[in-house]
Amino acid sequence: MTEEHYEYIKIEESKYPERLKMIPHSPRGLYIKGEIPRDDHPSVAIAGARACSSYGKHQAFEYAKILAEHGIQIISGLAYGIDASAHEGALAGGGETFAVLGCGVDICYPKENYPLYRDMLANGGGVLSEFSPGSAPQSWHFPIRNRLISGLADALLIVEAREKSGSLITADYALDQGKTVFALPGRVSDALSRGCNYLLYQGAGIAYEPACILQELGICEEKSEKKEKKFTEEEQGVYDFLEIQPKSLGELVEETGLIMPVLSGILLSLQSKGSAEESYRNYWRKYGEF
């Protein structure tokens, strides 16, 4: 899928992003479709696995949405999985989101993300590349383009990543550029969490909620009056055993002492109140404000 209409901005020009002028090995010029991230607005890059879990997709979407609602530009790479969910979350939050491509800006890769590519351009965002229009995606393009994803941001969030992955390359670039790196903690037994947990071991910030990133950027989260959750005693008892990380029904049966039909009914009731979510079949977690 291709489109025309792009511009080329040289590093000497005032329109060239100031953040990129500050990083090592800045490209001498950028090809642009749509807009470019504004220098006077905060921006956060979100990266992670292409083959991510439904939990990872949900978190990337929610974090991007909340950050965008606070006026933060979201930067990612338009790839499957975490990248696409981050762009979608930013749009859902009414914000602007930008993709750095490993191909020409006139090519949407992967092509299945063309509706997202189009929506980003239609809502004040843009796509950028140091590769000339018509350049096909090549495997070696993506690791080097990652320095621009982190370079355009004030902070980087890694949502899910394997121990050896392009997301950790992005994190290395961010650290070299003096950017703050955050990671979403995960279970030590999950392969998709090993990269994040490794970053946390190395000293990355723990992004246990979007407010962690907002605080780093000096943005005060407006505390809206939360609706009081009116739980029955049984609902409260089950809710107290739920965590951000999903638990299996078997675990919850053992912890709560309830029989399966009763537990399932309570979980469905909590779901109807926006307080629990079945992340994937027979695995439940806390959801919403808590």
C-alpha atoms as a PDB file:
ATOM      1  CA  MET A   1       0.000   0.000   0.000  1.00  0.00           C
ATOM      2  CA  THR A   2       1.576   3.273  -1.069  1.00  0.00           C
ATOM      3  CA  GLU A   3       0.720   6.941  -1.163  1.00  0.00           C
ATOM      4  CA  GLU A   4       2.493   9.995  -2.477  1.00  0.00           C
ATOM      5  CA  HIS A   5       2.773  13.415  -0.782  1.00  0.00           C
ATOM      6  CA  TYR A   6       5.784  13.561   1.497  1.00  0.00           C
ATOM      7  CA  GLU A   7       8.484  16.089   2.296  1.00  0.00           C
ATOM      8  CA  TYR A   8      12.175  15.894   3.081  1.00  0.00           C
ATOM      9  CA  ILE A   9      13.577  17.894   5.995  1.00  0.00           C
ATOM     10  CA  LYS A  10      17.323  18.433   6.381  1.00  0.00           C
ATOM     11  CA  ILE A  11      18.967  18.583   9.788  1.00  0.00           C
ATOM     12  CA  GLU A  12      19.898  22.227   9.170  1.00  0.00           C
ATOM     13  CA  GLU A  13      16.253  23.239   8.854  1.00  0.00           C
ATOM     14  CA  SER A  14      14.295  24.659  11.780  1.00  0.00           C
ATOM     15  CA  LYS A  15      11.485  22.150  11.274  1.00  0.00           C
ATOM     16  CA  TYR A  16      13.828  19.218  11.935  1.00  0.00           C
ATOM     17  CA  PRO A  17      12.970  17.766  15.402  1.00  0.00           C
ATOM     18  CA  GLU A  18      15.195  19.257  18.091  1.00  0.00           C
ATOM     19  CA  ARG A  19      15.205  16.007  20.039  1.00  0.00           C
ATOM     20  CA  LEU A  20      16.852  14.201  17.140  1.00  0.00           C
ATOM     21  CA  LYS A  21      19.535  16.868  16.793  1.00  0.00           C
ATOM     22  CA  MET A  22      20.670  15.939  20.304  1.00  0.00           C
ATOM     23  CA  ILE A  23      21.245  12.215  19.751  1.00  0.00           C
ATOM     24  CA  PRO A  24      24.345  10.449  18.400  1.00  0.00           C
ATOM     25  CA  HIS A  25      24.224   9.587  14.689  1.00  0.00           C
ATOM     26  CA  SER A  26      21.300  11.862  13.820  1.00  0.00           C
ATOM     27  CA  PRO A  27      20.089  11.263  10.267  1.00  0.00           C
ATOM     28  CA  ARG A  28      21.066  14.077   7.922  1.00  0.00           C
ATOM     29  CA  GLY A  29      17.477  14.322   6.841  1.00  0.00           C
ATOM     30  CA  LEU A  30      14.022  12.869   7.375  1.00  0.00           C
ATOM     31  CA  TYR A  31      11.208  11.967   5.034  1.00  0.00           C
ATOM     32  CA  ILE A  32       7.867  12.978   6.506  1.00  0.00           C
ATOM     33  CA  LYS A  33       4.238  12.203   5.792  1.00  0.00           C
ATOM     34  CA  GLY A  34       1.774  14.199   7.830  1.00  0.00           C
ATOM     35  CA  GLU A  35       3.106  16.039  10.867  1.00  0.00           C
ATOM     36  CA  ILE A  36       6.175  15.630  13.048  1.00  0.00           C
ATOM     37  CA  PRO A  37       6.251  15.520  16.875  1.00  0.00           C
ATOM     38  CA  ARG A  38       6.212  19.005  18.338  1.00  0.00           C
ATOM     39  CA  ASP A  39       9.303  20.022  20.257  1.00  0.00           C
ATOM     40  CA  ASP A  40       7.286  21.885  22.889  1.00  0.00           C
ATOM     41  CA  HIS A  41       5.056  18.929  23.775  1.00  0.00           C
ATOM     42  CA  PRO A  42       6.108  15.924  25.897  1.00  0.00           C
ATOM     43  CA  SER A  43       6.413  12.615  24.092  1.00  0.00           C
ATOM     44  CA  VAL A  44       6.719   8.992  25.155  1.00  0.00           C
ATOM     45  CA  ALA A  45       7.847   6.069  23.021  1.00  0.00           C
ATOM     46  CA  ILE A  46       6.147   2.721  23.550  1.00  0.00           C
ATOM     47  CA  ALA A  47       7.741  -0.474  22.281  1.00  0.00           C
ATOM     48  CA  GLY A  48       7.326  -4.192  22.745  1.00  0.00           C
ATOM     49  CA  ALA A  49       6.841  -7.584  21.192  1.00  0.00           C
ATOM     50  CA  ARG A  50       5.088  -8.092  17.881  1.00  0.00           C
ATOM     51  CA  ALA A  51       3.812 -11.492  18.995  1.00  0.00           C
ATOM     52  CA  CYS A  52       2.536 -10.144  22.297  1.00  0.00           C
ATOM     53  CA  SER A  53      -0.159 -11.421  24.632  1.00  0.00           C
ATOM     54  CA  SER A  54      -3.690 -10.046  24.872  1.00  0.00           C
ATOM     55  CA  TYR A  55      -2.644  -8.646  28.261  1.00  0.00           C
ATOM     56  CA  GLY A  56       0.261  -6.789  26.631  1.00  0.00           C
ATOM     57  CA  LYS A  57      -1.977  -5.370  23.909  1.00  0.00           C
ATOM     58  CA  HIS A  58      -4.454  -4.168  26.494  1.00  0.00           C
ATOM     59  CA  GLN A  59      -1.785  -2.509  28.627  1.00  0.00           C
ATOM     60  CA  ALA A  60      -0.119  -0.799  25.661  1.00  0.00           C
ATOM     61  CA  PHE A  61      -3.503   0.548  24.586  1.00  0.00           C
ATOM     62  CA  GLU A  62      -4.470   1.749  28.073  1.00  0.00           C
ATOM     63  CA  TYR A  63      -1.122   3.367  28.897  1.00  0.00           C
ATOM     64  CA  ALA A  64      -1.026   5.163  25.543  1.00  0.00           C
ATOM     65  CA  LYS A  65      -4.632   6.288  25.932  1.00  0.00           C
ATOM     66  CA  ILE A  66      -4.086   7.758  29.384  1.00  0.00           C
ATOM     67  CA  LEU A  67      -0.815   9.432  28.383  1.00  0.00           C
ATOM     68  CA  ALA A  68      -2.462  10.907  25.278  1.00  0.00           C
ATOM     69  CA  GLU A  69      -5.334  12.220  27.391  1.00  0.00           C
ATOM     70  CA  HIS A  70      -2.702  14.209  29.289  1.00  0.00           C
ATOM     71  CA  GLY A  71      -1.334  15.789  26.115  1.00  0.00           C
ATOM     72  CA  ILE A  72       1.585  13.413  25.564  1.00  0.00           C
ATOM     73  CA  GLN A  73       2.591  12.507  22.023  1.00  0.00           C
ATOM     74  CA  ILE A  74       3.008   8.766  21.485  1.00  0.00           C
ATOM     75  CA  ILE A  75       5.886   7.450  19.358  1.00  0.00           C
ATOM     76  CA  SER A  76       6.158   3.875  18.104  1.00  0.00           C
ATOM     77  CA  GLY A  77       6.951   1.820  15.012  1.00  0.00           C
ATOM     78  CA  LEU A  78       3.594   0.729  13.480  1.00  0.00           C
ATOM     79  CA  ALA A  79       4.523  -2.946  13.858  1.00  0.00           C
ATOM     80  CA  TYR A  80       2.111  -5.680  14.871  1.00  0.00           C
ATOM     81  CA  GLY A  81       1.370  -6.158  18.552  1.00  0.00           C
ATOM     82  CA  ILE A  82       2.481  -3.580  21.105  1.00  0.00           C
ATOM     83  CA  ASP A  83       3.298  -0.857  18.545  1.00  0.00           C
ATOM     84  CA  ALA A  84      -0.111  -0.973  16.874  1.00  0.00           C
ATOM     85  CA  SER A  85      -1.930  -1.082  20.227  1.00  0.00           C
ATOM     86  CA  ALA A  86       0.013   1.963  21.433  1.00  0.00           C
ATOM     87  CA  HIS A  87      -0.924   3.944  18.316  1.00  0.00           C
ATOM     88  CA  GLU A  88      -4.558   2.870  18.688  1.00  0.00           C
ATOM     89  CA  GLY A  89      -4.609   3.832  22.362  1.00  0.00           C
ATOM     90  CA  ALA A  90      -3.209   7.282  21.586  1.00  0.00           C
ATOM     91  CA  LEU A  91      -5.938   7.857  19.004  1.00  0.00           C
ATOM     92  CA  ALA A  92      -8.592   6.647  21.459  1.00  0.00           C
ATOM     93  CA  GLY A  93      -7.251   9.181  23.964  1.00  0.00           C
ATOM     94  CA  GLY A  94      -7.657  11.999  21.451  1.00  0.00           C
ATOM     95  CA  GLY A  95      -3.909  12.427  21.072  1.00  0.00           C
ATOM     96  CA  GLU A  96      -1.343  12.567  18.312  1.00  0.00           C
ATOM     97  CA  THR A  97       0.779   9.563  17.498  1.00  0.00           C
ATOM     98  CA  PHE A  98       3.789   9.138  15.226  1.00  0.00           C
ATOM     99  CA  ALA A  99       5.449   6.111  13.646  1.00  0.00           C
ATOM    100  CA  VAL A 100       9.087   5.733  12.656  1.00  0.00           C
ATOM    101  CA  LEU A 101       9.250   3.258   9.784  1.00  0.00           C
ATOM    102  CA  GLY A 102      11.868   0.800   8.623  1.00  0.00           C
ATOM    103  CA  CYS A 103      10.886   1.511   5.019  1.00  0.00           C
ATOM    104  CA  GLY A 104       9.838   4.501   2.933  1.00  0.00           C
ATOM    105  CA  VAL A 105       7.063   6.696   4.298  1.00  0.00           C
ATOM    106  CA  ASP A 106       5.009   5.908   1.215  1.00  0.00           C
ATOM    107  CA  ILE A 107       4.841   2.239   2.219  1.00  0.00           C
ATOM    108  CA  CYS A 108       2.675   0.952   5.036  1.00  0.00           C
ATOM    109  CA  TYR A 109       4.407  -2.018   6.627  1.00  0.00           C
ATOM    110  CA  PRO A 110       2.820  -4.274   7.611  1.00  0.00           C
ATOM    111  CA  LYS A 111       0.111  -3.605   5.036  1.00  0.00           C
ATOM    112  CA  GLU A 112      -2.588  -4.884   7.407  1.00  0.00           C
ATOM    113  CA  ASN A 113      -2.003  -1.774   9.522  1.00  0.00           C
ATOM    114  CA  TYR A 114      -2.988   0.555   6.683  1.00  0.00           C
ATOM    115  CA  PRO A 115      -6.264   1.652   8.371  1.00  0.00           C
ATOM    116  CA  LEU A 116      -4.192   2.648  11.408  1.00  0.00           C
ATOM    117  CA  TYR A 117      -1.598   4.387   9.193  1.00  0.00           C
ATOM    118  CA  ARG A 118      -4.415   6.356   7.569  1.00  0.00           C
ATOM    119  CA  ASP A 119      -6.086   7.250  10.897  1.00  0.00           C
ATOM    120  CA  MET A 120      -2.810   8.499  12.354  1.00  0.00           C
ATOM    121  CA  LEU A 121      -2.336  10.870   9.424  1.00  0.00           C
ATOM    122  CA  ALA A 122      -5.957  12.015   9.605  1.00  0.00           C
ATOM    123  CA  ASN A 123      -5.701  12.919  13.297  1.00  0.00           C
ATOM    124  CA  GLY A 124      -2.669  15.178  13.448  1.00  0.00           C
ATOM    125  CA  GLY A 125       0.007  12.490  13.554  1.00  0.00           C
ATOM    126  CA  GLY A 126       2.577  11.386  11.032  1.00  0.00           C
ATOM    127  CA  VAL A 127       5.056   8.834   9.790  1.00  0.00           C
ATOM    128  CA  LEU A 128       8.799   9.428   9.531  1.00  0.00           C
ATOM    129  CA  SER A 129      11.740   7.603   7.994  1.00  0.00           C
ATOM    130  CA  GLU A 130      15.367   8.162   7.143  1.00  0.00           C
ATOM    131  CA  PHE A 131      14.918   5.772   4.209  1.00  0.00           C
ATOM    132  CA  SER A 132      13.893   7.248   0.884  1.00  0.00           C
ATOM    133  CA  PRO A 133      10.371   6.734  -0.486  1.00  0.00           C
ATOM    134  CA  GLY A 134      10.044   3.436  -2.255  1.00  0.00           C
ATOM    135  CA  SER A 135      12.550   1.735   0.078  1.00  0.00           C
ATOM    136  CA  ALA A 136      11.274  -1.723   0.907  1.00  0.00           C
ATOM    137  CA  PRO A 137      11.390  -2.919   4.514  1.00  0.00           C
ATOM    138  CA  GLN A 138      14.666  -4.737   5.197  1.00  0.00           C
ATOM    139  CA  SER A 139      15.560  -6.632   8.354  1.00  0.00           C
ATOM    140  CA  TRP A 140      18.592  -4.414   9.022  1.00  0.00           C
ATOM    141  CA  HIS A 141      16.490  -1.240   8.782  1.00  0.00           C
ATOM    142  CA  PHE A 142      14.537  -1.915  11.955  1.00  0.00           C
ATOM    143  CA  PRO A 143      17.304  -2.035  14.590  1.00  0.00           C
ATOM    144  CA  ILE A 144      18.762   1.262  13.379  1.00  0.00           C
ATOM    145  CA  ARG A 145      15.392   2.986  13.091  1.00  0.00           C
ATOM    146  CA  ASN A 146      14.838   2.174  16.784  1.00  0.00           C
ATOM    147  CA  ARG A 147      17.297   4.930  17.747  1.00  0.00           C
ATOM    148  CA  LEU A 148      14.856   7.425  16.207  1.00  0.00           C
ATOM    149  CA  ILE A 149      11.884   6.017  18.106  1.00  0.00           C
ATOM    150  CA  SER A 150      13.674   6.603  21.409  1.00  0.00           C
ATOM    151  CA  GLY A 151      15.296   9.781  20.125  1.00  0.00           C
ATOM    152  CA  LEU A 152      11.945  11.464  19.470  1.00  0.00           C
ATOM    153  CA  ALA A 153      10.750  10.740  23.001  1.00  0.00           C
ATOM    154  CA  ASP A 154      11.396  12.082  26.470  1.00  0.00           C
ATOM    155  CA  ALA A 155      10.912   8.610  27.960  1.00  0.00           C
ATOM    156  CA  LEU A 156      10.524   5.049  26.730  1.00  0.00           C
ATOM    157  CA  LEU A 157       8.097   2.390  27.958  1.00  0.00           C
ATOM    158  CA  ILE A 158       8.708  -1.285  27.191  1.00  0.00           C
ATOM    159  CA  VAL A 159       5.474  -3.232  27.628  1.00  0.00           C
ATOM    160  CA  GLU A 160       6.421  -6.816  26.745  1.00  0.00           C
ATOM    161  CA  ALA A 161       9.732  -8.096  25.410  1.00  0.00           C
ATOM    162  CA  ARG A 162      11.649 -11.311  25.166  1.00  0.00           C
ATOM    163  CA  GLU A 163      15.147 -11.532  26.599  1.00  0.00           C
ATOM    164  CA  LYS A 164      16.704 -10.900  23.179  1.00  0.00           C
ATOM    165  CA  SER A 165      14.567  -8.545  21.162  1.00  0.00           C
ATOM    166  CA  GLY A 166      14.446  -5.333  19.189  1.00  0.00           C
ATOM    167  CA  SER A 167      12.717  -3.690  22.135  1.00  0.00           C
ATOM    168  CA  LEU A 168      15.844  -4.086  24.241  1.00  0.00           C
ATOM    169  CA  ILE A 169      17.846  -2.525  21.407  1.00  0.00           C
ATOM    170  CA  THR A 170      15.501   0.452  21.644  1.00  0.00           C
ATOM    171  CA  ALA A 171      16.054   0.547  25.408  1.00  0.00           C
ATOM    172  CA  ASP A 172      19.836   0.560  24.897  1.00  0.00           C
ATOM    173  CA  TYR A 173      19.516   3.467  22.469  1.00  0.00           C
ATOM    174  CA  ALA A 174      17.326   5.341  24.942  1.00  0.00           C
ATOM    175  CA  LEU A 175      19.858   4.914  27.746  1.00  0.00           C
ATOM    176  CA  ASP A 176      22.693   6.063  25.475  1.00  0.00           C
ATOM    177  CA  GLN A 177      20.592   9.127  24.647  1.00  0.00           C
ATOM    178  CA  GLY A 178      20.013   9.906  28.319  1.00  0.00           C
ATOM    179  CA  LYS A 179      16.312   9.063  28.228  1.00  0.00           C
ATOM    180  CA  THR A 180      14.391   7.498  31.091  1.00  0.00           C
ATOM    181  CA  VAL A 181      13.422   3.882  30.445  1.00  0.00           C
ATOM    182  CA  PHE A 182      10.361   2.308  32.042  1.00  0.00           C
ATOM    183  CA  ALA A 183       9.263  -1.314  31.892  1.00  0.00           C
ATOM    184  CA  LEU A 184       6.020  -3.060  32.736  1.00  0.00           C
ATOM    185  CA  PRO A 185       6.740  -5.798  35.293  1.00  0.00           C
ATOM    186  CA  GLY A 186       5.612  -9.340  34.536  1.00  0.00           C
ATOM    187  CA  ARG A 187       5.715 -12.863  35.841  1.00  0.00           C
ATOM    188  CA  VAL A 188       9.176 -14.394  35.928  1.00  0.00           C
ATOM    189  CA  SER A 189       7.809 -17.511  34.230  1.00  0.00           C
ATOM    190  CA  ASP A 190       6.504 -15.603  31.178  1.00  0.00           C
ATOM    191  CA  ALA A 191       8.921 -15.448  28.241  1.00  0.00           C
ATOM    192  CA  LEU A 192       7.374 -12.153  27.120  1.00  0.00           C
ATOM    193  CA  SER A 193       8.183 -10.606  30.495  1.00  0.00           C
ATOM    194  CA  ARG A 194      11.819 -11.657  30.680  1.00  0.00           C
ATOM    195  CA  GLY A 195      13.052  -8.637  28.757  1.00  0.00           C
ATOM    196  CA  CYS A 196      11.059  -6.234  30.927  1.00  0.00           C
ATOM    197  CA  ASN A 197      12.118  -7.918  34.144  1.00  0.00           C
ATOM    198  CA  TYR A 198      15.739  -7.797  32.999  1.00  0.00           C
ATOM    199  CA  LEU A 199      15.430  -4.042  32.417  1.00  0.00           C
ATOM    200  CA  LEU A 200      13.949  -3.634  35.886  1.00  0.00           C
ATOM    201  CA  TYR A 201      16.861  -5.617  37.327  1.00  0.00           C
ATOM    202  CA  GLN A 202      19.206  -3.220  35.522  1.00  0.00           C
ATOM    203  CA  GLY A 203      17.489  -0.214  37.110  1.00  0.00           C
ATOM    204  CA  ALA A 204      14.687   0.766  34.738  1.00  0.00           C
ATOM    205  CA  GLY A 205      11.684   2.553  36.193  1.00  0.00           C
ATOM    206  CA  ILE A 206       8.775   0.343  37.247  1.00  0.00           C
ATOM    207  CA  ALA A 207       5.711   1.441  35.289  1.00  0.00           C
ATOM    208  CA  TYR A 208       3.101  -0.145  37.539  1.00  0.00           C
ATOM    209  CA  GLU A 209       0.628   2.544  36.440  1.00  0.00           C
ATOM    210  CA  PRO A 210       0.644   5.414  33.892  1.00  0.00           C
ATOM    211  CA  ALA A 211       1.035   7.914  36.725  1.00  0.00           C
ATOM    212  CA  CYS A 212       4.655   6.748  37.122  1.00  0.00           C
ATOM    213  CA  ILE A 213       5.444   8.137  33.676  1.00  0.00           C
ATOM    214  CA  LEU A 214       3.355  11.260  34.148  1.00  0.00           C
ATOM    215  CA  GLN A 215       5.262  12.017  37.336  1.00  0.00           C
ATOM    216  CA  GLU A 216       8.607  11.572  35.560  1.00  0.00           C
ATOM    217  CA  LEU A 217       7.490  14.125  32.955  1.00  0.00           C
ATOM    218  CA  GLY A 218       6.333  16.555  35.636  1.00  0.00           C
ATOM    219  CA  ILE A 219       2.667  16.195  34.753  1.00  0.00           C
ATOM    220  CA  CYS A 220       0.208  16.141  37.610  1.00  0.00           C
ATOM    221  CA  GLU A 221      -2.527  13.578  37.121  1.00  0.00           C
ATOM    222  CA  GLU A 222      -5.895  15.134  37.728  1.00  0.00           C
ATOM    223  CA  LYS A 223      -7.611  13.119  40.348  1.00  0.00           C
ATOM    224  CA  SER A 224     -11.178  12.791  39.204  1.00  0.00           C
ATOM    225  CA  GLU A 225     -13.631  11.746  41.868  1.00  0.00           C
ATOM    226  CA  LYS A 226     -13.761   8.021  41.586  1.00  0.00           C
ATOM    227  CA  LYS A 227     -17.133   6.365  41.639  1.00  0.00           C
ATOM    228  CA  GLU A 228     -17.469   4.390  44.815  1.00  0.00           C
ATOM    229  CA  LYS A 229     -17.542   0.715  44.001  1.00  0.00           C
ATOM    230  CA  LYS A 230     -20.516  -0.881  45.688  1.00  0.00           C
ATOM    231  CA  PHE A 231     -19.540  -4.491  46.128  1.00  0.00           C
ATOM    232  CA  THR A 232     -21.422  -7.151  47.995  1.00  0.00           C
ATOM    233  CA  GLU A 233     -19.463  -8.912  50.714  1.00  0.00           C
ATOM    234  CA  GLU A 234     -18.914 -11.880  48.387  1.00  0.00           C
ATOM    235  CA  GLU A 235     -17.765  -9.626  45.521  1.00  0.00           C
ATOM    236  CA  GLN A 236     -15.339  -7.795  47.780  1.00  0.00           C
ATOM    237  CA  GLY A 237     -13.927 -11.087  48.958  1.00  0.00           C
ATOM    238  CA  VAL A 238     -13.176 -12.219  45.405  1.00  0.00           C
ATOM    239  CA  TYR A 239     -11.975  -8.781  44.285  1.00  0.00           C
ATOM    240  CA  ASP A 240      -9.395  -8.767  47.080  1.00  0.00           C
ATOM    241  CA  PHE A 241      -7.792 -11.891  45.608  1.00  0.00           C
ATOM    242  CA  LEU A 242      -7.559 -10.474  42.088  1.00  0.00           C
ATOM    243  CA  GLU A 243      -4.314  -8.862  40.934  1.00  0.00           C
ATOM    244  CA  ILE A 244      -3.141  -6.855  37.922  1.00  0.00           C
ATOM    245  CA  GLN A 245      -1.530 -10.033  36.577  1.00  0.00           C
ATOM    246  CA  PRO A 246      -4.182 -12.576  35.506  1.00  0.00           C
ATOM    247  CA  LYS A 247      -4.951 -15.557  37.722  1.00  0.00           C
ATOM    248  CA  SER A 248      -6.492 -18.817  36.584  1.00  0.00           C
ATOM    249  CA  LEU A 249      -9.920 -19.906  37.792  1.00  0.00           C
ATOM    250  CA  GLY A 250      -8.201 -22.836  39.472  1.00  0.00           C
ATOM    251  CA  GLU A 251      -5.996 -20.492  41.498  1.00  0.00           C
ATOM    252  CA  LEU A 252      -8.974 -18.369  42.490  1.00  0.00           C
ATOM    253  CA  VAL A 253     -11.029 -21.407  43.538  1.00  0.00           C
ATOM    254  CA  GLU A 254      -8.176 -22.504  45.789  1.00  0.00           C
ATOM    255  CA  GLU A 255      -7.614 -19.023  47.248  1.00  0.00           C
ATOM    256  CA  THR A 256     -11.254 -18.041  47.816  1.00  0.00           C
ATOM    257  CA  GLY A 257     -12.572 -21.451  48.844  1.00  0.00           C
ATOM    258  CA  LEU A 258     -15.591 -20.963  46.580  1.00  0.00           C
ATOM    259  CA  ILE A 259     -16.984 -23.584  44.243  1.00  0.00           C
ATOM    260  CA  MET A 260     -16.581 -22.878  40.538  1.00  0.00           C
ATOM    261  CA  PRO A 261     -20.208 -21.920  39.689  1.00  0.00           C
ATOM    262  CA  VAL A 262     -20.368 -19.407  42.551  1.00  0.00           C
ATOM    263  CA  LEU A 263     -16.946 -17.944  41.748  1.00  0.00           C
ATOM    264  CA  SER A 264     -17.812 -17.608  38.045  1.00  0.00           C
ATOM    265  CA  GLY A 265     -21.022 -15.764  38.867  1.00  0.00           C
ATOM    266  CA  ILE A 266     -19.194 -13.300  41.130  1.00  0.00           C
ATOM    267  CA  LEU A 267     -16.496 -12.682  38.521  1.00  0.00           C
ATOM    268  CA  LEU A 268     -19.147 -11.925  35.896  1.00  0.00           C
ATOM    269  CA  SER A 269     -20.782  -9.501  38.318  1.00  0.00           C
ATOM    270  CA  LEU A 270     -17.442  -7.749  38.919  1.00  0.00           C
ATOM    271  CA  GLN A 271     -16.925  -7.631  35.161  1.00  0.00           C
ATOM    272  CA  SER A 272     -20.297  -5.913  34.702  1.00  0.00           C
ATOM    273  CA  LYS A 273     -19.154  -3.257  37.206  1.00  0.00           C
ATOM    274  CA  GLY A 274     -15.938  -2.649  35.276  1.00  0.00           C
ATOM    275  CA  SER A 275     -13.778  -4.080  38.062  1.00  0.00           C
ATOM    276  CA  ALA A 276     -12.622  -7.394  36.611  1.00  0.00           C
ATOM    277  CA  GLU A 277     -11.615  -8.662  33.196  1.00  0.00           C
ATOM    278  CA  GLU A 278     -11.172 -12.104  31.661  1.00  0.00           C
ATOM    279  CA  SER A 279      -7.817 -11.392  29.998  1.00  0.00           C
ATOM    280  CA  TYR A 280      -7.927 -14.706  28.164  1.00  0.00           C
ATOM    281  CA  ARG A 281      -9.947 -17.865  28.589  1.00  0.00           C
ATOM    282  CA  ASN A 282     -10.368 -18.739  32.280  1.00  0.00           C
ATOM    283  CA  TYR A 283      -7.802 -16.158  33.439  1.00  0.00           C
ATOM    284  CA  TRP A 284      -9.051 -13.136  35.391  1.00  0.00           C
ATOM    285  CA  ARG A 285      -7.485  -9.878  36.612  1.00  0.00           C
ATOM    286  CA  LYS A 286      -8.416  -6.591  38.228  1.00  0.00           C
ATOM    287  CA  TYR A 287      -9.563  -3.989  35.772  1.00  0.00           C
ATOM    288  CA  GLY A 288     -10.312  -0.276  35.759  1.00  0.00           C
ATOM    289  CA  GLU A 289      -9.538   2.062  38.642  1.00  0.00           C
ATOM    290  CA  PHE A 290      -8.329   0.381  41.799  1.00  0.00           C
END
